[in-house]
N, C-alpha and C. Protein backbone atom coordinates (compact mmCIF):
# COMPACT_ATOMS: atom_id res chain seq x y z
N MET A 1 15.51 -28.40 -7.04
CA MET A 1 14.73 -28.08 -5.86
C MET A 1 13.70 -27.02 -6.24
N SER A 2 12.45 -27.29 -6.03
CA SER A 2 11.39 -26.34 -6.41
C SER A 2 11.17 -25.32 -5.30
N LEU A 3 10.38 -24.31 -5.61
CA LEU A 3 10.09 -23.25 -4.66
C LEU A 3 9.37 -23.79 -3.43
N SER A 4 8.46 -24.74 -3.64
CA SER A 4 7.72 -25.29 -2.51
C SER A 4 8.63 -26.09 -1.59
N GLU A 5 9.67 -26.70 -2.14
CA GLU A 5 10.61 -27.44 -1.29
C GLU A 5 11.46 -26.49 -0.48
N ASN A 6 11.74 -25.29 -1.00
CA ASN A 6 12.53 -24.32 -0.26
C ASN A 6 11.77 -23.77 0.94
N THR A 7 10.44 -23.66 0.84
CA THR A 7 9.65 -23.06 1.90
C THR A 7 9.16 -24.08 2.93
N GLU A 8 9.46 -25.33 2.74
CA GLU A 8 9.00 -26.35 3.68
C GLU A 8 9.93 -26.44 4.87
N ASN A 9 9.35 -26.65 6.04
CA ASN A 9 10.12 -26.91 7.24
C ASN A 9 10.44 -28.39 7.31
N LYS A 10 11.37 -28.75 8.17
CA LYS A 10 11.71 -30.16 8.35
C LYS A 10 10.57 -30.93 9.01
N LYS A 11 9.69 -30.23 9.73
CA LYS A 11 8.61 -30.89 10.45
C LYS A 11 7.42 -31.21 9.56
N GLY A 12 7.32 -30.61 8.41
CA GLY A 12 6.14 -30.86 7.58
C GLY A 12 6.10 -29.94 6.38
N ASN A 13 4.92 -29.77 5.86
CA ASN A 13 4.73 -28.98 4.66
C ASN A 13 4.34 -27.54 4.95
N ARG A 14 4.61 -27.04 6.13
CA ARG A 14 4.23 -25.68 6.47
C ARG A 14 5.31 -24.70 6.02
N PRO A 15 4.91 -23.53 5.52
CA PRO A 15 5.89 -22.51 5.13
C PRO A 15 6.49 -21.86 6.38
N PRO A 16 7.57 -21.13 6.25
CA PRO A 16 8.17 -20.47 7.41
C PRO A 16 7.21 -19.47 8.05
N LEU A 17 7.39 -19.22 9.32
CA LEU A 17 6.49 -18.33 10.06
C LEU A 17 6.59 -16.89 9.56
N PHE A 18 7.80 -16.38 9.40
CA PHE A 18 8.00 -15.02 8.91
C PHE A 18 8.55 -15.06 7.50
N ARG A 19 8.09 -14.13 6.70
CA ARG A 19 8.56 -14.03 5.32
C ARG A 19 9.35 -12.74 5.15
N LYS A 20 9.78 -12.47 3.94
CA LYS A 20 10.62 -11.32 3.67
C LYS A 20 9.93 -10.02 4.08
N MET A 21 8.65 -9.89 3.80
CA MET A 21 7.91 -8.67 4.15
C MET A 21 7.88 -8.46 5.66
N ASN A 22 7.75 -9.55 6.43
CA ASN A 22 7.76 -9.44 7.88
C ASN A 22 9.08 -8.85 8.37
N TYR A 23 10.19 -9.34 7.82
CA TYR A 23 11.50 -8.86 8.25
C TYR A 23 11.73 -7.41 7.82
N ILE A 24 11.22 -7.03 6.67
CA ILE A 24 11.34 -5.63 6.24
C ILE A 24 10.57 -4.72 7.19
N LEU A 25 9.34 -5.12 7.53
CA LEU A 25 8.54 -4.32 8.47
C LEU A 25 9.19 -4.26 9.85
N MET A 26 9.79 -5.36 10.28
CA MET A 26 10.49 -5.35 11.58
C MET A 26 11.67 -4.39 11.56
N GLY A 27 12.40 -4.38 10.46
CA GLY A 27 13.52 -3.45 10.34
C GLY A 27 13.07 -2.00 10.36
N VAL A 28 11.97 -1.70 9.67
CA VAL A 28 11.43 -0.34 9.67
C VAL A 28 10.98 0.04 11.07
N GLY A 29 10.35 -0.89 11.78
CA GLY A 29 9.90 -0.61 13.14
C GLY A 29 11.06 -0.34 14.08
N ILE A 30 12.11 -1.12 13.98
CA ILE A 30 13.29 -0.91 14.82
C ILE A 30 13.93 0.43 14.50
N LEU A 31 13.99 0.78 13.22
CA LEU A 31 14.56 2.06 12.81
C LEU A 31 13.74 3.22 13.38
N LEU A 32 12.41 3.12 13.32
CA LEU A 32 11.56 4.17 13.89
C LEU A 32 11.77 4.28 15.41
N LEU A 33 11.89 3.15 16.08
CA LEU A 33 12.13 3.17 17.52
C LEU A 33 13.47 3.84 17.84
N LEU A 34 14.50 3.49 17.11
CA LEU A 34 15.82 4.10 17.36
C LEU A 34 15.80 5.60 17.13
N ILE A 35 15.18 6.03 16.04
CA ILE A 35 15.10 7.47 15.77
C ILE A 35 14.30 8.17 16.86
N GLY A 36 13.21 7.54 17.31
CA GLY A 36 12.40 8.13 18.38
C GLY A 36 13.16 8.26 19.68
N TYR A 37 13.92 7.24 20.05
CA TYR A 37 14.70 7.31 21.29
C TYR A 37 15.84 8.32 21.17
N ILE A 38 16.43 8.43 19.99
CA ILE A 38 17.48 9.44 19.81
C ILE A 38 16.89 10.84 19.93
N CYS A 39 15.71 11.06 19.35
CA CYS A 39 15.04 12.36 19.49
C CYS A 39 14.66 12.64 20.94
N LEU A 40 14.36 11.63 21.69
CA LEU A 40 13.95 11.79 23.08
C LEU A 40 15.12 12.10 24.00
N SER A 41 16.30 11.66 23.62
CA SER A 41 17.47 11.84 24.50
C SER A 41 17.81 13.32 24.62
N GLY A 42 18.39 13.66 25.74
CA GLY A 42 18.72 15.05 26.00
C GLY A 42 20.21 15.26 26.04
N GLY A 43 20.58 16.51 26.19
CA GLY A 43 21.98 16.86 26.32
C GLY A 43 22.44 16.66 27.75
N LYS A 44 23.72 16.83 27.93
CA LYS A 44 24.28 16.66 29.27
C LYS A 44 24.23 18.01 29.99
N VAL A 45 23.43 18.07 31.02
CA VAL A 45 23.28 19.30 31.80
C VAL A 45 23.47 18.92 33.27
N PRO A 46 24.21 19.72 34.02
CA PRO A 46 24.36 19.44 35.46
C PRO A 46 23.02 19.46 36.18
N ASP A 47 22.93 18.75 37.28
CA ASP A 47 21.67 18.63 38.02
C ASP A 47 21.18 19.96 38.60
N ASP A 48 22.07 20.87 38.91
CA ASP A 48 21.67 22.11 39.56
C ASP A 48 21.33 23.23 38.57
N VAL A 49 21.32 22.93 37.28
CA VAL A 49 21.03 23.93 36.26
C VAL A 49 19.74 23.54 35.54
N PHE A 50 18.81 24.51 35.43
CA PHE A 50 17.57 24.25 34.70
C PHE A 50 17.80 24.50 33.22
N ASP A 51 17.36 23.56 32.41
CA ASP A 51 17.48 23.70 30.96
C ASP A 51 16.09 23.60 30.36
N GLY A 52 15.59 24.71 29.82
CA GLY A 52 14.25 24.74 29.22
C GLY A 52 14.18 23.95 27.94
N GLU A 53 15.30 23.47 27.44
CA GLU A 53 15.35 22.71 26.19
C GLU A 53 14.65 21.35 26.32
N ILE A 54 14.41 20.90 27.54
CA ILE A 54 13.74 19.61 27.70
C ILE A 54 12.27 19.68 27.31
N PHE A 55 11.73 20.88 27.18
CA PHE A 55 10.32 21.05 26.83
C PHE A 55 10.11 21.42 25.37
N ASN A 56 11.08 21.16 24.50
CA ASN A 56 10.89 21.53 23.10
C ASN A 56 10.00 20.52 22.38
N THR A 57 9.55 20.88 21.19
CA THR A 57 8.60 20.07 20.44
C THR A 57 9.15 18.71 20.06
N ARG A 58 10.43 18.66 19.78
CA ARG A 58 11.04 17.38 19.36
C ARG A 58 10.91 16.33 20.46
N ARG A 59 11.15 16.73 21.70
CA ARG A 59 11.10 15.77 22.81
C ARG A 59 9.69 15.50 23.30
N ILE A 60 8.82 16.46 23.22
CA ILE A 60 7.47 16.32 23.77
C ILE A 60 6.49 15.71 22.76
N VAL A 61 6.67 16.01 21.47
CA VAL A 61 5.69 15.59 20.46
C VAL A 61 6.26 14.57 19.48
N VAL A 62 7.36 14.91 18.84
CA VAL A 62 7.89 14.10 17.74
C VAL A 62 8.40 12.74 18.22
N ALA A 63 9.19 12.74 19.28
CA ALA A 63 9.77 11.48 19.76
C ALA A 63 8.71 10.47 20.21
N PRO A 64 7.71 10.85 21.00
CA PRO A 64 6.68 9.87 21.36
C PRO A 64 5.89 9.34 20.16
N ILE A 65 5.65 10.20 19.17
CA ILE A 65 4.93 9.75 17.97
C ILE A 65 5.77 8.72 17.22
N LEU A 66 7.07 8.98 17.08
CA LEU A 66 7.95 8.03 16.39
C LEU A 66 8.03 6.70 17.14
N ILE A 67 8.10 6.76 18.46
CA ILE A 67 8.16 5.53 19.25
C ILE A 67 6.86 4.76 19.12
N PHE A 68 5.73 5.46 19.17
CA PHE A 68 4.43 4.79 19.01
C PHE A 68 4.32 4.14 17.63
N LEU A 69 4.73 4.86 16.58
CA LEU A 69 4.68 4.30 15.23
C LEU A 69 5.62 3.10 15.10
N GLY A 70 6.77 3.15 15.76
CA GLY A 70 7.69 2.02 15.74
C GLY A 70 7.09 0.79 16.40
N LEU A 71 6.45 0.98 17.55
CA LEU A 71 5.81 -0.15 18.23
C LEU A 71 4.65 -0.69 17.40
N LEU A 72 3.87 0.19 16.81
CA LEU A 72 2.76 -0.23 15.97
C LEU A 72 3.26 -1.01 14.75
N THR A 73 4.35 -0.55 14.16
CA THR A 73 4.94 -1.25 13.01
C THR A 73 5.44 -2.64 13.41
N GLU A 74 6.01 -2.76 14.60
CA GLU A 74 6.48 -4.06 15.07
C GLU A 74 5.30 -5.02 15.27
N ILE A 75 4.19 -4.53 15.79
CA ILE A 75 3.01 -5.37 15.96
C ILE A 75 2.49 -5.84 14.62
N VAL A 76 2.42 -4.92 13.65
CA VAL A 76 1.96 -5.28 12.31
C VAL A 76 2.92 -6.28 11.68
N ALA A 77 4.22 -6.09 11.88
CA ALA A 77 5.21 -6.99 11.30
C ALA A 77 5.06 -8.41 11.85
N ILE A 78 4.74 -8.53 13.10
CA ILE A 78 4.57 -9.86 13.70
C ILE A 78 3.26 -10.50 13.25
N MET A 79 2.21 -9.70 13.14
CA MET A 79 0.90 -10.24 12.80
C MET A 79 0.68 -10.40 11.30
N TRP A 80 1.50 -9.80 10.46
CA TRP A 80 1.32 -9.82 9.00
C TRP A 80 1.39 -11.25 8.48
N HIS A 81 0.38 -11.63 7.75
CA HIS A 81 0.36 -12.96 7.13
C HIS A 81 -0.28 -12.81 5.75
N PRO A 82 0.52 -12.97 4.70
CA PRO A 82 -0.05 -12.79 3.35
C PRO A 82 -1.06 -13.88 3.03
N LYS A 83 -1.96 -13.56 2.13
CA LYS A 83 -2.95 -14.55 1.70
C LYS A 83 -2.26 -15.68 0.96
N ALA A 84 -2.80 -16.87 1.10
CA ALA A 84 -2.23 -18.03 0.41
C ALA A 84 -2.52 -17.94 -1.08
N ASN A 85 -1.57 -18.39 -1.89
CA ASN A 85 -1.78 -18.40 -3.33
C ASN A 85 -2.79 -19.47 -3.71
N LYS A 86 -3.72 -19.12 -4.57
CA LYS A 86 -4.71 -20.09 -5.00
C LYS A 86 -4.15 -20.89 -6.16
N THR A 87 -4.29 -22.18 -6.09
CA THR A 87 -3.83 -23.03 -7.18
C THR A 87 -4.98 -23.27 -8.16
N GLU A 88 -4.67 -23.85 -9.28
CA GLU A 88 -5.69 -24.09 -10.30
C GLU A 88 -6.66 -25.18 -9.89
N ASN A 89 -6.29 -26.05 -8.96
CA ASN A 89 -7.15 -27.15 -8.53
C ASN A 89 -8.26 -26.67 -7.62
N GLU A 90 -8.09 -25.55 -6.96
CA GLU A 90 -9.09 -25.10 -6.00
C GLU A 90 -10.11 -24.20 -6.62
């Protein structure tokens, strides 16, 4: 079985929609999103107590940046399409 036969779908000669690089980028994006949401989460504080810790840099700056980068990475992972290999005939 050749490499071209491995990449063919049952419907025709088209390669799979996502490749290894797409899945790696998707994993990195999900990891960035998880880290961003963990940074955004707060501690358990009763409703009648004010906690100034909700205004720290990690929650206000770092977490939104990580979430934005995670979403951007997911978009790139979905849209990423490597250039086709040129054969000697072309």
